[in-house]
Amino acid sequence: MPHEHHVFHNPPSATPAEVHAALDRGDLSGVLNAMVGTALYGDGDWKELQELHLQLLTHDDHQVSALAATCLGHIARVYRQLDEGRVVGTLRRVRSIPHLSGTADDALGDIEVFLHPRRARWRGRLWRAMRPWTWI
């Protein structure tokens, strides 16, 4: 079995319309690239992007729905704002779906770190203080 070398690249900036066009074409690779492209660069309206990725959380393809959770975390990092109650509530609900549990947890962590950095620092300090194996 030959070894394949995969090269990481950040996709170019994209719009929600490009995500929808790729979905309509059935181009999964294009969908995934466009999704990341919408969330990474801060070129769009955060509310529109938030709505797009909240909708994609329920997509039938597991890659699309899992990436939608990741993109919500990216939006929190790039824009430093979200409709936090709605997004956090939705991510907490989808954690019960096996293929979304890890990415939803990661997105919730990103949201806390980027929207509430002071609280996240204190939580980290408390966590380190509570781990008895680190006292040695």
N, C-alpha and C. Protein backbone atom coordinates (compact mmCIF):
# COMPACT_ATOMS: atom_id res chain seq x y z
N MET A 1 0.85 -1.17 0.00
CA MET A 1 0.00 0.00 0.00
C MET A 1 0.90 1.24 0.00
N PRO A 2 0.85 2.05 -1.03
CA PRO A 2 1.73 3.22 -1.10
C PRO A 2 1.31 4.30 -0.10
N HIS A 3 2.29 5.03 0.35
CA HIS A 3 2.04 6.12 1.29
C HIS A 3 1.65 7.38 0.53
N GLU A 4 0.61 8.03 0.98
CA GLU A 4 0.18 9.29 0.36
C GLU A 4 0.61 10.45 1.22
N HIS A 5 1.12 11.48 0.61
CA HIS A 5 1.47 12.70 1.32
C HIS A 5 0.33 13.68 1.15
N HIS A 6 -0.24 14.09 2.27
CA HIS A 6 -1.31 15.08 2.23
C HIS A 6 -0.72 16.42 2.59
N VAL A 7 -1.07 17.42 1.84
CA VAL A 7 -0.56 18.76 2.07
C VAL A 7 -1.69 19.61 2.64
N PHE A 8 -1.41 20.24 3.79
CA PHE A 8 -2.40 21.12 4.40
C PHE A 8 -2.40 22.45 3.67
N HIS A 9 -3.56 23.00 3.47
CA HIS A 9 -3.68 24.35 2.93
C HIS A 9 -4.93 25.00 3.51
N ASN A 10 -4.85 26.28 3.74
CA ASN A 10 -6.04 27.03 4.12
C ASN A 10 -6.79 27.36 2.83
N PRO A 11 -8.06 27.05 2.77
CA PRO A 11 -8.81 27.40 1.57
C PRO A 11 -8.97 28.92 1.47
N PRO A 12 -9.22 29.42 0.28
CA PRO A 12 -9.42 30.87 0.14
C PRO A 12 -10.71 31.32 0.80
N SER A 13 -10.80 32.60 1.01
CA SER A 13 -12.01 33.19 1.57
C SER A 13 -13.21 32.82 0.70
N ALA A 14 -14.35 32.59 1.34
CA ALA A 14 -15.54 32.18 0.61
C ALA A 14 -16.77 32.87 1.22
N THR A 15 -17.86 32.76 0.52
CA THR A 15 -19.12 33.35 0.96
C THR A 15 -20.14 32.24 1.21
N PRO A 16 -21.19 32.53 1.96
CA PRO A 16 -22.25 31.53 2.13
C PRO A 16 -22.84 31.08 0.80
N ALA A 17 -22.91 31.98 -0.18
CA ALA A 17 -23.44 31.60 -1.49
C ALA A 17 -22.57 30.52 -2.14
N GLU A 18 -21.26 30.59 -1.93
CA GLU A 18 -20.36 29.57 -2.48
C GLU A 18 -20.57 28.22 -1.79
N VAL A 19 -20.86 28.25 -0.50
CA VAL A 19 -21.16 27.02 0.23
C VAL A 19 -22.42 26.39 -0.35
N HIS A 20 -23.46 27.20 -0.52
CA HIS A 20 -24.72 26.70 -1.06
C HIS A 20 -24.57 26.19 -2.49
N ALA A 21 -23.76 26.89 -3.29
CA ALA A 21 -23.54 26.44 -4.67
C ALA A 21 -22.83 25.09 -4.70
N ALA A 22 -21.84 24.90 -3.84
CA ALA A 22 -21.14 23.62 -3.78
C ALA A 22 -22.08 22.51 -3.27
N LEU A 23 -22.95 22.85 -2.32
CA LEU A 23 -23.95 21.87 -1.86
C LEU A 23 -24.87 21.47 -3.01
N ASP A 24 -25.32 22.44 -3.78
CA ASP A 24 -26.22 22.17 -4.91
C ASP A 24 -25.55 21.29 -5.96
N ARG A 25 -24.23 21.48 -6.15
CA ARG A 25 -23.48 20.68 -7.13
C ARG A 25 -23.16 19.29 -6.59
N GLY A 26 -23.28 19.10 -5.27
CA GLY A 26 -22.89 17.83 -4.67
C GLY A 26 -21.39 17.69 -4.55
N ASP A 27 -20.68 18.80 -4.52
CA ASP A 27 -19.22 18.83 -4.46
C ASP A 27 -18.79 18.91 -2.99
N LEU A 28 -18.60 17.74 -2.36
CA LEU A 28 -18.29 17.70 -0.93
C LEU A 28 -16.99 18.43 -0.61
N SER A 29 -15.97 18.21 -1.40
CA SER A 29 -14.69 18.89 -1.16
C SER A 29 -14.87 20.40 -1.26
N GLY A 30 -15.62 20.84 -2.24
CA GLY A 30 -15.90 22.27 -2.41
C GLY A 30 -16.69 22.84 -1.24
N VAL A 31 -17.64 22.06 -0.74
CA VAL A 31 -18.44 22.48 0.41
C VAL A 31 -17.54 22.69 1.62
N LEU A 32 -16.71 21.69 1.90
CA LEU A 32 -15.84 21.76 3.08
C LEU A 32 -14.86 22.92 2.98
N ASN A 33 -14.26 23.10 1.82
CA ASN A 33 -13.33 24.23 1.64
C ASN A 33 -14.05 25.57 1.78
N ALA A 34 -15.23 25.68 1.20
CA ALA A 34 -15.97 26.94 1.28
C ALA A 34 -16.42 27.21 2.72
N MET A 35 -16.79 26.16 3.45
CA MET A 35 -17.19 26.36 4.84
C MET A 35 -16.05 26.96 5.65
N VAL A 36 -14.87 26.36 5.51
CA VAL A 36 -13.71 26.89 6.24
C VAL A 36 -13.39 28.29 5.75
N GLY A 37 -13.49 28.50 4.46
CA GLY A 37 -13.22 29.82 3.89
C GLY A 37 -14.15 30.91 4.39
N THR A 38 -15.38 30.54 4.75
CA THR A 38 -16.30 31.55 5.29
C THR A 38 -15.93 31.95 6.70
N ALA A 39 -15.36 31.00 7.46
CA ALA A 39 -15.15 31.22 8.90
C ALA A 39 -13.77 31.76 9.26
N LEU A 40 -12.79 31.58 8.42
CA LEU A 40 -11.40 31.89 8.81
C LEU A 40 -10.98 33.35 8.68
N TYR A 41 -11.58 34.10 7.79
CA TYR A 41 -10.97 35.36 7.38
C TYR A 41 -11.63 36.63 7.88
N GLY A 42 -12.82 36.57 8.40
CA GLY A 42 -13.47 37.77 8.89
C GLY A 42 -13.96 38.69 7.80
N ASP A 43 -14.28 38.12 6.64
CA ASP A 43 -14.72 38.93 5.50
C ASP A 43 -16.22 39.16 5.44
N GLY A 44 -16.98 38.40 6.20
CA GLY A 44 -18.43 38.46 6.05
C GLY A 44 -19.13 38.98 7.29
N ASP A 45 -20.43 38.83 7.29
CA ASP A 45 -21.28 39.22 8.40
C ASP A 45 -21.36 38.03 9.36
N TRP A 46 -20.92 38.22 10.60
CA TRP A 46 -20.86 37.09 11.55
C TRP A 46 -22.22 36.47 11.78
N LYS A 47 -23.28 37.28 11.74
CA LYS A 47 -24.62 36.73 11.96
C LYS A 47 -25.03 35.79 10.83
N GLU A 48 -24.73 36.19 9.60
CA GLU A 48 -25.05 35.35 8.45
C GLU A 48 -24.24 34.05 8.50
N LEU A 49 -22.97 34.15 8.86
CA LEU A 49 -22.13 32.96 8.95
C LEU A 49 -22.58 32.04 10.09
N GLN A 50 -22.94 32.64 11.20
CA GLN A 50 -23.45 31.85 12.32
C GLN A 50 -24.68 31.06 11.89
N GLU A 51 -25.61 31.72 11.21
CA GLU A 51 -26.83 31.04 10.75
C GLU A 51 -26.50 29.91 9.78
N LEU A 52 -25.58 30.16 8.86
CA LEU A 52 -25.18 29.14 7.90
C LEU A 52 -24.67 27.89 8.62
N HIS A 53 -23.76 28.08 9.56
CA HIS A 53 -23.14 26.93 10.22
C HIS A 53 -24.08 26.26 11.22
N LEU A 54 -24.99 27.02 11.81
CA LEU A 54 -26.02 26.39 12.65
C LEU A 54 -26.91 25.48 11.80
N GLN A 55 -27.26 25.93 10.60
CA GLN A 55 -28.08 25.10 9.70
C GLN A 55 -27.32 23.84 9.28
N LEU A 56 -26.01 24.01 9.01
CA LEU A 56 -25.22 22.87 8.53
C LEU A 56 -24.93 21.84 9.62
N LEU A 57 -25.15 22.20 10.89
CA LEU A 57 -24.99 21.22 11.96
C LEU A 57 -25.93 20.02 11.79
N THR A 58 -27.03 20.23 11.09
CA THR A 58 -28.00 19.15 10.90
C THR A 58 -27.90 18.50 9.53
N HIS A 59 -26.85 18.80 8.79
CA HIS A 59 -26.67 18.23 7.45
C HIS A 59 -26.49 16.71 7.55
N ASP A 60 -26.94 15.99 6.52
CA ASP A 60 -26.86 14.53 6.52
C ASP A 60 -25.43 14.01 6.48
N ASP A 61 -24.53 14.73 5.81
CA ASP A 61 -23.15 14.27 5.72
C ASP A 61 -22.42 14.59 7.03
N HIS A 62 -21.81 13.58 7.62
CA HIS A 62 -21.15 13.75 8.92
C HIS A 62 -19.98 14.71 8.87
N GLN A 63 -19.26 14.75 7.75
CA GLN A 63 -18.14 15.68 7.63
C GLN A 63 -18.62 17.13 7.63
N VAL A 64 -19.71 17.37 6.94
CA VAL A 64 -20.27 18.73 6.87
C VAL A 64 -20.77 19.17 8.24
N SER A 65 -21.52 18.31 8.92
CA SER A 65 -22.07 18.71 10.21
C SER A 65 -20.97 18.88 11.26
N ALA A 66 -19.96 18.03 11.25
CA ALA A 66 -18.86 18.17 12.21
C ALA A 66 -18.05 19.44 11.93
N LEU A 67 -17.82 19.72 10.66
CA LEU A 67 -17.07 20.94 10.32
C LEU A 67 -17.87 22.19 10.66
N ALA A 68 -19.17 22.12 10.60
CA ALA A 68 -20.00 23.27 10.97
C ALA A 68 -19.76 23.65 12.43
N ALA A 69 -19.62 22.65 13.31
CA ALA A 69 -19.33 22.93 14.71
C ALA A 69 -17.96 23.60 14.84
N THR A 70 -16.98 23.08 14.14
CA THR A 70 -15.64 23.68 14.16
C THR A 70 -15.69 25.12 13.67
N CYS A 71 -16.44 25.36 12.62
CA CYS A 71 -16.52 26.72 12.05
C CYS A 71 -17.18 27.69 13.03
N LEU A 72 -18.10 27.22 13.85
CA LEU A 72 -18.69 28.11 14.86
C LEU A 72 -17.61 28.55 15.86
N GLY A 73 -16.70 27.67 16.20
CA GLY A 73 -15.57 28.05 17.04
C GLY A 73 -14.67 29.04 16.35
N HIS A 74 -14.44 28.85 15.04
CA HIS A 74 -13.62 29.80 14.27
C HIS A 74 -14.28 31.18 14.24
N ILE A 75 -15.59 31.22 14.09
CA ILE A 75 -16.30 32.50 14.06
C ILE A 75 -16.12 33.23 15.39
N ALA A 76 -16.19 32.49 16.49
CA ALA A 76 -15.96 33.10 17.81
C ALA A 76 -14.55 33.68 17.88
N ARG A 77 -13.58 32.97 17.33
CA ARG A 77 -12.19 33.45 17.37
C ARG A 77 -11.99 34.68 16.48
N VAL A 78 -12.51 34.63 15.28
CA VAL A 78 -12.27 35.70 14.31
C VAL A 78 -13.07 36.96 14.64
N TYR A 79 -14.34 36.81 14.95
CA TYR A 79 -15.23 37.96 15.15
C TYR A 79 -15.38 38.37 16.61
N ARG A 80 -15.02 37.47 17.53
CA ARG A 80 -15.15 37.72 18.97
C ARG A 80 -16.59 38.03 19.38
N GLN A 81 -17.54 37.47 18.63
CA GLN A 81 -18.94 37.61 19.00
C GLN A 81 -19.78 36.53 18.31
N LEU A 82 -20.83 36.17 18.98
CA LEU A 82 -21.83 35.21 18.50
C LEU A 82 -23.11 35.48 19.26
N ASP A 83 -24.20 34.93 18.78
CA ASP A 83 -25.42 34.86 19.59
C ASP A 83 -25.17 33.70 20.53
N GLU A 84 -24.45 34.00 21.61
CA GLU A 84 -23.87 32.96 22.45
C GLU A 84 -24.90 32.00 23.03
N GLY A 85 -26.00 32.51 23.54
CA GLY A 85 -27.00 31.63 24.13
C GLY A 85 -27.52 30.61 23.14
N ARG A 86 -27.79 31.05 21.95
CA ARG A 86 -28.32 30.17 20.91
C ARG A 86 -27.29 29.16 20.44
N VAL A 87 -26.07 29.64 20.16
CA VAL A 87 -25.03 28.76 19.64
C VAL A 87 -24.60 27.74 20.70
N VAL A 88 -24.37 28.20 21.92
CA VAL A 88 -23.95 27.30 22.99
C VAL A 88 -25.03 26.26 23.28
N GLY A 89 -26.28 26.69 23.32
CA GLY A 89 -27.37 25.75 23.54
C GLY A 89 -27.45 24.68 22.45
N THR A 90 -27.28 25.10 21.21
CA THR A 90 -27.32 24.16 20.10
C THR A 90 -26.15 23.19 20.16
N LEU A 91 -24.95 23.71 20.42
CA LEU A 91 -23.77 22.84 20.50
C LEU A 91 -23.89 21.85 21.66
N ARG A 92 -24.45 22.29 22.76
CA ARG A 92 -24.65 21.36 23.89
C ARG A 92 -25.62 20.25 23.52
N ARG A 93 -26.65 20.59 22.77
CA ARG A 93 -27.63 19.57 22.35
C ARG A 93 -27.01 18.57 21.39
N VAL A 94 -26.19 19.04 20.44
CA VAL A 94 -25.64 18.12 19.44
C VAL A 94 -24.48 17.29 19.97
N ARG A 95 -24.00 17.59 21.19
CA ARG A 95 -22.94 16.76 21.77
C ARG A 95 -23.39 15.32 21.97
N SER A 96 -24.69 15.09 22.03
CA SER A 96 -25.21 13.73 22.21
C SER A 96 -25.13 12.91 20.91
N ILE A 97 -24.87 13.56 19.79
CA ILE A 97 -24.73 12.86 18.51
C ILE A 97 -23.27 12.40 18.41
N PRO A 98 -23.03 11.09 18.28
CA PRO A 98 -21.67 10.57 18.38
C PRO A 98 -20.64 11.26 17.48
N HIS A 99 -20.96 11.48 16.22
CA HIS A 99 -19.96 12.07 15.33
C HIS A 99 -19.75 13.57 15.57
N LEU A 100 -20.59 14.19 16.39
CA LEU A 100 -20.46 15.62 16.68
C LEU A 100 -19.93 15.91 18.08
N SER A 101 -19.86 14.92 18.94
CA SER A 101 -19.54 15.19 20.34
C SER A 101 -18.17 15.85 20.51
N GLY A 102 -17.16 15.35 19.85
CA GLY A 102 -15.82 15.93 19.99
C GLY A 102 -15.70 17.33 19.41
N THR A 103 -16.21 17.52 18.20
CA THR A 103 -16.09 18.84 17.59
C THR A 103 -16.98 19.87 18.28
N ALA A 104 -18.12 19.42 18.79
CA ALA A 104 -18.98 20.34 19.54
C ALA A 104 -18.29 20.77 20.83
N ASP A 105 -17.65 19.82 21.52
CA ASP A 105 -16.90 20.17 22.74
C ASP A 105 -15.77 21.14 22.42
N ASP A 106 -15.04 20.88 21.33
CA ASP A 106 -13.96 21.79 20.94
C ASP A 106 -14.48 23.18 20.64
N ALA A 107 -15.60 23.25 19.93
CA ALA A 107 -16.19 24.55 19.60
C ALA A 107 -16.64 25.29 20.86
N LEU A 108 -17.23 24.56 21.81
CA LEU A 108 -17.63 25.18 23.07
C LEU A 108 -16.41 25.72 23.81
N GLY A 109 -15.32 24.98 23.78
CA GLY A 109 -14.08 25.46 24.40
C GLY A 109 -13.57 26.71 23.72
N ASP A 110 -13.59 26.72 22.37
CA ASP A 110 -13.16 27.91 21.63
C ASP A 110 -14.02 29.11 21.97
N ILE A 111 -15.32 28.90 22.05
CA ILE A 111 -16.23 29.99 22.37
C ILE A 111 -15.89 30.58 23.74
N GLU A 112 -15.66 29.71 24.70
CA GLU A 112 -15.31 30.21 26.03
C GLU A 112 -13.98 30.96 26.02
N VAL A 113 -12.98 30.40 25.36
CA VAL A 113 -11.67 31.04 25.33
C VAL A 113 -11.71 32.40 24.63
N PHE A 114 -12.41 32.49 23.52
CA PHE A 114 -12.37 33.72 22.74
C PHE A 114 -13.43 34.74 23.11
N LEU A 115 -14.53 34.31 23.73
CA LEU A 115 -15.54 35.28 24.16
C LEU A 115 -15.41 35.62 25.63
N HIS A 116 -14.80 34.73 26.40
CA HIS A 116 -14.65 34.94 27.85
C HIS A 116 -13.24 34.53 28.29
N PRO A 117 -12.22 35.21 27.81
CA PRO A 117 -10.85 34.76 28.10
C PRO A 117 -10.50 34.75 29.59
N ARG A 118 -10.99 35.70 30.34
CA ARG A 118 -10.67 35.73 31.77
C ARG A 118 -11.27 34.52 32.49
N ARG A 119 -12.52 34.22 32.17
CA ARG A 119 -13.17 33.06 32.79
C ARG A 119 -12.45 31.77 32.39
N ALA A 120 -12.03 31.67 31.14
CA ALA A 120 -11.33 30.47 30.69
C ALA A 120 -9.99 30.32 31.41
N ARG A 121 -9.28 31.43 31.63
CA ARG A 121 -8.01 31.35 32.36
C ARG A 121 -8.23 30.87 33.78
N TRP A 122 -9.23 31.40 34.46
CA TRP A 122 -9.51 30.98 35.84
C TRP A 122 -9.94 29.53 35.89
N ARG A 123 -10.73 29.10 34.93
CA ARG A 123 -11.15 27.70 34.90
C ARG A 123 -9.93 26.80 34.70
N GLY A 124 -9.01 27.19 33.85
CA GLY A 124 -7.79 26.42 33.65
C GLY A 124 -6.94 26.36 34.92
N ARG A 125 -6.83 27.48 35.61
CA ARG A 125 -6.06 27.48 36.86
C ARG A 125 -6.72 26.59 37.90
N LEU A 126 -8.03 26.65 38.00
CA LEU A 126 -8.75 25.82 38.95
C LEU A 126 -8.55 24.34 38.60
N TRP A 127 -8.63 24.01 37.32
CA TRP A 127 -8.45 22.64 36.89
C TRP A 127 -7.06 22.14 37.25
N ARG A 128 -6.03 22.94 37.01
CA ARG A 128 -4.67 22.53 37.36
C ARG A 128 -4.52 22.37 38.86
N ALA A 129 -5.15 23.23 39.64
CA ALA A 129 -5.06 23.13 41.11
C ALA A 129 -5.78 21.90 41.64
N MET A 130 -6.80 21.45 40.95
CA MET A 130 -7.60 20.32 41.42
C MET A 130 -7.00 18.96 41.06
N ARG A 131 -6.02 18.94 40.19
CA ARG A 131 -5.42 17.66 39.77
C ARG A 131 -4.35 17.26 40.78
N PRO A 132 -4.63 16.29 41.63
CA PRO A 132 -3.68 15.94 42.69
C PRO A 132 -2.35 15.39 42.16
N TRP A 133 -2.33 14.77 40.96
CA TRP A 133 -1.08 14.23 40.45
C TRP A 133 -0.08 15.30 40.07
N THR A 134 -0.52 16.58 40.01
CA THR A 134 0.41 17.65 39.68
C THR A 134 1.00 18.29 40.93
N TRP A 135 0.57 17.85 42.09
CA TRP A 135 1.07 18.45 43.33
C TRP A 135 2.46 17.95 43.69
N ILE A 136 2.86 16.88 43.08
CA ILE A 136 4.16 16.27 43.43
C ILE A 136 5.29 17.04 42.78
